[in-house]
PDB file of all heavy atoms in Angstrom:
ATOM      1  N   GLY A   1       0.850  -1.210   0.013  1.00  0.00           N
ATOM      2  CA  GLY A   1       0.014  -0.038   0.030  1.00  0.00           C
ATOM      3  C   GLY A   1       0.843   1.303   0.014  1.00  0.00           C
ATOM      4  O   GLY A   1       0.596   2.222  -0.737  1.00  0.00           O
ATOM      5  N   GLY A   2       1.918   1.275   0.798  1.00  0.00           N
ATOM      6  CA  GLY A   2       2.791   2.431   0.818  1.00  0.00           C
ATOM      7  C   GLY A   2       3.553   2.607  -0.517  1.00  0.00           C
ATOM      8  O   GLY A   2       3.727   3.685  -0.996  1.00  0.00           O
ATOM      9  N   LEU A   3       3.917   1.483  -1.096  1.00  0.00           N
ATOM     10  CA  LEU A   3       4.617   1.601  -2.399  1.00  0.00           C
ATOM     11  C   LEU A   3       3.691   2.156  -3.475  1.00  0.00           C
ATOM     12  O   LEU A   3       4.074   2.957  -4.265  1.00  0.00           O
ATOM     13  CB  LEU A   3       5.101   0.146  -2.797  1.00  0.00           C
ATOM     14  CG  LEU A   3       5.686  -0.038  -4.193  1.00  0.00           C
ATOM     15  CD1 LEU A   3       6.892   0.845  -4.377  1.00  0.00           C
ATOM     16  CD2 LEU A   3       5.971  -1.514  -4.471  1.00  0.00           C
ATOM     17  N   ALA A   4       2.402   1.691  -3.491  1.00  0.00           N
ATOM     18  CA  ALA A   4       1.469   2.211  -4.471  1.00  0.00           C
ATOM     19  C   ALA A   4       1.238   3.683  -4.320  1.00  0.00           C
ATOM     20  O   ALA A   4       1.269   4.469  -5.274  1.00  0.00           O
ATOM     21  CB  ALA A   4       0.156   1.440  -4.300  1.00  0.00           C
ATOM     22  N   GLY A   5       0.941   4.176  -3.085  1.00  0.00           N
ATOM     23  CA  GLY A   5       0.682   5.583  -2.857  1.00  0.00           C
ATOM     24  C   GLY A   5       1.803   6.522  -3.244  1.00  0.00           C
ATOM     25  O   GLY A   5       1.653   7.462  -3.984  1.00  0.00           O
ATOM     26  N   ALA A   6       3.029   6.148  -2.830  1.00  0.00           N
ATOM     27  CA  ALA A   6       4.216   6.980  -3.175  1.00  0.00           C
ATOM     28  C   ALA A   6       4.506   6.898  -4.607  1.00  0.00           C
ATOM     29  O   ALA A   6       4.998   7.892  -5.279  1.00  0.00           O
ATOM     30  CB  ALA A   6       5.348   6.462  -2.339  1.00  0.00           C
ATOM     31  N   SER A   7       4.306   5.749  -5.269  1.00  0.00           N
ATOM     32  CA  SER A   7       4.594   5.643  -6.688  1.00  0.00           C
ATOM     33  C   SER A   7       3.676   6.509  -7.559  1.00  0.00           C
ATOM     34  O   SER A   7       4.150   7.082  -8.550  1.00  0.00           O
ATOM     35  CB  SER A   7       4.409   4.145  -7.152  1.00  0.00           C
ATOM     36  OG  SER A   7       5.401   3.339  -6.533  1.00  0.00           O
ATOM     37  N   SER A   8       2.424   6.640  -7.168  1.00  0.00           N
ATOM     38  CA  SER A   8       1.464   7.550  -7.843  1.00  0.00           C
ATOM     39  C   SER A   8       1.957   8.962  -7.762  1.00  0.00           C
ATOM     40  O   SER A   8       1.885   9.730  -8.739  1.00  0.00           O
ATOM     41  CB  SER A   8       0.108   7.329  -7.294  1.00  0.00           C
ATOM     42  OG  SER A   8      -0.463   6.098  -7.598  1.00  0.00           O
ATOM     43  N   THR A   9       2.374   9.368  -6.581  1.00  0.00           N
ATOM     44  CA  THR A   9       2.851  10.788  -6.431  1.00  0.00           C
ATOM     45  C   THR A   9       4.122  11.008  -7.287  1.00  0.00           C
ATOM     46  O   THR A   9       4.276  12.074  -7.887  1.00  0.00           O
ATOM     47  CB  THR A   9       3.136  11.070  -4.947  1.00  0.00           C
ATOM     48  OG1 THR A   9       1.864  10.858  -4.175  1.00  0.00           O
ATOM     49  CG2 THR A   9       3.547  12.501  -4.773  1.00  0.00           C
ATOM     50  N   LEU A  10       5.040  10.097  -7.192  1.00  0.00           N
ATOM     51  CA  LEU A  10       6.276  10.211  -7.982  1.00  0.00           C
ATOM     52  C   LEU A  10       5.954  10.152  -9.498  1.00  0.00           C
ATOM     53  O   LEU A  10       6.654  10.800 -10.283  1.00  0.00           O
ATOM     54  CB  LEU A  10       7.268   9.090  -7.577  1.00  0.00           C
ATOM     55  CG  LEU A  10       8.655   9.254  -8.119  1.00  0.00           C
ATOM     56  CD1 LEU A  10       9.349  10.564  -7.759  1.00  0.00           C
ATOM     57  CD2 LEU A  10       9.514   8.050  -7.619  1.00  0.00           C
ATOM     58  N   ALA A  11       4.972   9.366  -9.878  1.00  0.00           N
ATOM     59  CA  ALA A  11       4.624   9.268 -11.329  1.00  0.00           C
ATOM     60  C   ALA A  11       4.104  10.617 -11.850  1.00  0.00           C
ATOM     61  O   ALA A  11       4.461  11.044 -12.953  1.00  0.00           O
ATOM     62  CB  ALA A  11       3.588   8.228 -11.500  1.00  0.00           C
ATOM     63  N   ALA A  12       3.308  11.364 -11.056  1.00  0.00           N
ATOM     64  CA  ALA A  12       2.829  12.629 -11.441  1.00  0.00           C
ATOM     65  C   ALA A  12       4.012  13.581 -11.571  1.00  0.00           C
ATOM     66  O   ALA A  12       4.042  14.426 -12.556  1.00  0.00           O
ATOM     67  CB  ALA A  12       1.844  13.177 -10.399  1.00  0.00           C
ATOM     68  N   THR A  13       5.002  13.581 -10.720  1.00  0.00           N
ATOM     69  CA  THR A  13       6.188  14.363 -10.845  1.00  0.00           C
ATOM     70  C   THR A  13       6.905  14.147 -12.184  1.00  0.00           C
ATOM     71  O   THR A  13       7.348  14.964 -12.848  1.00  0.00           O
ATOM     72  CB  THR A  13       7.123  14.146  -9.665  1.00  0.00           C
ATOM     73  OG1 THR A  13       6.399  14.427  -8.412  1.00  0.00           O
ATOM     74  CG2 THR A  13       8.367  15.038  -9.744  1.00  0.00           C
ATOM     75  N   ALA A  14       7.015  12.809 -12.442  1.00  0.00           N
ATOM     76  CA  ALA A  14       7.631  12.379 -13.661  1.00  0.00           C
ATOM     77  C   ALA A  14       6.917  12.953 -14.912  1.00  0.00           C
ATOM     78  O   ALA A  14       7.506  13.402 -15.907  1.00  0.00           O
ATOM     79  CB  ALA A  14       7.833  10.851 -13.785  1.00  0.00           C
ATOM     80  N   ASP A  15       5.541  12.858 -14.917  1.00  0.00           N
ATOM     81  CA  ASP A  15       4.750  13.343 -16.011  1.00  0.00           C
ATOM     82  C   ASP A  15       5.017  14.896 -16.226  1.00  0.00           C
ATOM     83  O   ASP A  15       5.133  15.360 -17.329  1.00  0.00           O
ATOM     84  CB  ASP A  15       3.372  13.090 -15.705  1.00  0.00           C
ATOM     85  CG  ASP A  15       2.718  11.965 -16.528  1.00  0.00           C
ATOM     86  OD1 ASP A  15       3.423  11.515 -17.524  1.00  0.00           O
ATOM     87  OD2 ASP A  15       1.627  11.572 -16.260  1.00  0.00           O
ATOM     88  N   LEU A  16       4.954  15.574 -15.085  1.00  0.00           N
ATOM     89  CA  LEU A  16       5.063  17.074 -15.160  1.00  0.00           C
ATOM     90  C   LEU A  16       6.464  17.503 -15.598  1.00  0.00           C
ATOM     91  O   LEU A  16       6.642  18.652 -16.072  1.00  0.00           O
ATOM     92  CB  LEU A  16       4.749  17.671 -13.816  1.00  0.00           C
ATOM     93  CG  LEU A  16       3.235  17.432 -13.359  1.00  0.00           C
ATOM     94  CD1 LEU A  16       3.085  18.004 -11.958  1.00  0.00           C
ATOM     95  CD2 LEU A  16       2.328  18.201 -14.338  1.00  0.00           C
ATOM     96  N   THR A  17       7.481  16.699 -15.454  1.00  0.00           N
ATOM     97  CA  THR A  17       8.854  17.063 -15.776  1.00  0.00           C
ATOM     98  C   THR A  17       9.299  16.416 -17.090  1.00  0.00           C
ATOM     99  O   THR A  17      10.476  16.414 -17.457  1.00  0.00           O
ATOM    100  CB  THR A  17       9.852  16.690 -14.668  1.00  0.00           C
ATOM    101  OG1 THR A  17       9.687  15.292 -14.331  1.00  0.00           O
ATOM    102  CG2 THR A  17       9.527  17.513 -13.413  1.00  0.00           C
ATOM    103  N   GLY A  18       8.382  15.814 -17.875  1.00  0.00           N
ATOM    104  CA  GLY A  18       8.704  15.226 -19.110  1.00  0.00           C
ATOM    105  C   GLY A  18       9.508  13.988 -19.169  1.00  0.00           C
ATOM    106  O   GLY A  18      10.444  13.818 -19.921  1.00  0.00           O
ATOM    107  N   ARG A  19       9.141  12.999 -18.255  1.00  0.00           N
ATOM    108  CA  ARG A  19       9.869  11.739 -18.216  1.00  0.00           C
ATOM    109  C   ARG A  19       8.832  10.650 -18.375  1.00  0.00           C
ATOM    110  O   ARG A  19       8.387   9.950 -17.444  1.00  0.00           O
ATOM    111  CB  ARG A  19      10.518  11.584 -16.840  1.00  0.00           C
ATOM    112  CG  ARG A  19      11.723  12.589 -16.634  1.00  0.00           C
ATOM    113  CD  ARG A  19      12.272  12.395 -15.196  1.00  0.00           C
ATOM    114  NE  ARG A  19      13.495  13.124 -15.047  1.00  0.00           N
ATOM    115  CZ  ARG A  19      13.612  14.440 -14.689  1.00  0.00           C
ATOM    116  NH1 ARG A  19      12.519  15.173 -14.547  1.00  0.00           N
ATOM    117  NH2 ARG A  19      14.845  14.965 -14.597  1.00  0.00           N
ATOM    118  N   PRO A  20       8.456  10.405 -19.637  1.00  0.00           N
ATOM    119  CA  PRO A  20       7.305   9.421 -19.848  1.00  0.00           C
ATOM    120  C   PRO A  20       7.688   8.000 -19.461  1.00  0.00           C
ATOM    121  O   PRO A  20       6.770   7.258 -18.986  1.00  0.00           O
ATOM    122  CB  PRO A  20       7.119   9.538 -21.380  1.00  0.00           C
ATOM    123  CG  PRO A  20       8.377  10.154 -21.934  1.00  0.00           C
ATOM    124  CD  PRO A  20       8.891  10.979 -20.870  1.00  0.00           C
ATOM    125  N   GLY A  21       8.881   7.580 -19.678  1.00  0.00           N
ATOM    126  CA  GLY A  21       9.257   6.202 -19.335  1.00  0.00           C
ATOM    127  C   GLY A  21       9.116   5.892 -17.793  1.00  0.00           C
ATOM    128  O   GLY A  21       8.620   4.952 -17.390  1.00  0.00           O
ATOM    129  N   LEU A  22       9.672   6.869 -17.053  1.00  0.00           N
ATOM    130  CA  LEU A  22       9.575   6.824 -15.620  1.00  0.00           C
ATOM    131  C   LEU A  22       8.132   6.798 -15.079  1.00  0.00           C
ATOM    132  O   LEU A  22       7.651   6.038 -14.297  1.00  0.00           O
ATOM    133  CB  LEU A  22      10.402   7.947 -14.932  1.00  0.00           C
ATOM    134  CG  LEU A  22      10.351   8.018 -13.414  1.00  0.00           C
ATOM    135  CD1 LEU A  22      10.946   6.765 -12.719  1.00  0.00           C
ATOM    136  CD2 LEU A  22      11.082   9.257 -12.983  1.00  0.00           C
ATOM    137  N   ALA A  23       7.311   7.737 -15.710  1.00  0.00           N
ATOM    138  CA  ALA A  23       5.896   7.886 -15.398  1.00  0.00           C
ATOM    139  C   ALA A  23       5.148   6.581 -15.646  1.00  0.00           C
ATOM    140  O   ALA A  23       4.368   6.092 -14.814  1.00  0.00           O
ATOM    141  CB  ALA A  23       5.340   9.066 -16.056  1.00  0.00           C
ATOM    142  N   ARG A  24       5.308   6.113 -16.788  1.00  0.00           N
ATOM    143  CA  ARG A  24       4.659   4.805 -17.188  1.00  0.00           C
ATOM    144  C   ARG A  24       5.062   3.632 -16.224  1.00  0.00           C
ATOM    145  O   ARG A  24       4.119   2.889 -15.822  1.00  0.00           O
ATOM    146  CB  ARG A  24       4.977   4.464 -18.644  1.00  0.00           C
ATOM    147  CG  ARG A  24       4.186   3.313 -19.143  1.00  0.00           C
ATOM    148  CD  ARG A  24       4.305   3.093 -20.590  1.00  0.00           C
ATOM    149  NE  ARG A  24       5.737   3.150 -21.126  1.00  0.00           N
ATOM    150  CZ  ARG A  24       6.320   4.132 -21.747  1.00  0.00           C
ATOM    151  NH1 ARG A  24       5.634   5.210 -22.003  1.00  0.00           N
ATOM    152  NH2 ARG A  24       7.578   4.024 -22.080  1.00  0.00           N
ATOM    153  N   GLY A  25       6.248   3.447 -15.986  1.00  0.00           N
ATOM    154  CA  GLY A  25       6.702   2.373 -15.078  1.00  0.00           C
ATOM    155  C   GLY A  25       6.124   2.529 -13.678  1.00  0.00           C
ATOM    156  O   GLY A  25       5.688   1.554 -13.135  1.00  0.00           O
ATOM    157  N   LEU A  26       6.077   3.694 -13.163  1.00  0.00           N
ATOM    158  CA  LEU A  26       5.568   3.930 -11.793  1.00  0.00           C
ATOM    159  C   LEU A  26       4.076   3.759 -11.734  1.00  0.00           C
ATOM    160  O   LEU A  26       3.540   3.253 -10.753  1.00  0.00           O
ATOM    161  CB  LEU A  26       5.940   5.353 -11.300  1.00  0.00           C
ATOM    162  CG  LEU A  26       7.425   5.511 -10.932  1.00  0.00           C
ATOM    163  CD1 LEU A  26       7.752   7.012 -10.753  1.00  0.00           C
ATOM    164  CD2 LEU A  26       7.753   4.775  -9.687  1.00  0.00           C
ATOM    165  N   LYS A  27       3.382   4.211 -12.803  1.00  0.00           N
ATOM    166  CA  LYS A  27       1.922   3.996 -12.778  1.00  0.00           C
ATOM    167  C   LYS A  27       1.549   2.565 -12.848  1.00  0.00           C
ATOM    168  O   LYS A  27       0.616   2.114 -12.137  1.00  0.00           O
ATOM    169  CB  LYS A  27       1.296   4.777 -14.034  1.00  0.00           C
ATOM    170  CG  LYS A  27       1.361   6.337 -13.885  1.00  0.00           C
ATOM    171  CD  LYS A  27       0.866   6.935 -15.142  1.00  0.00           C
ATOM    172  CE  LYS A  27       1.065   8.428 -15.191  1.00  0.00           C
ATOM    173  NZ  LYS A  27       0.639   9.069 -16.401  1.00  0.00           N
TER     174      LYS A  27
END
């Protein structure tokens, strides 16, 4: 549960900073 929640927040950061590979893997 902790991994899921933090991964979603980090994925949004990756999306906003133009890192599609990182965002896709975290989502």
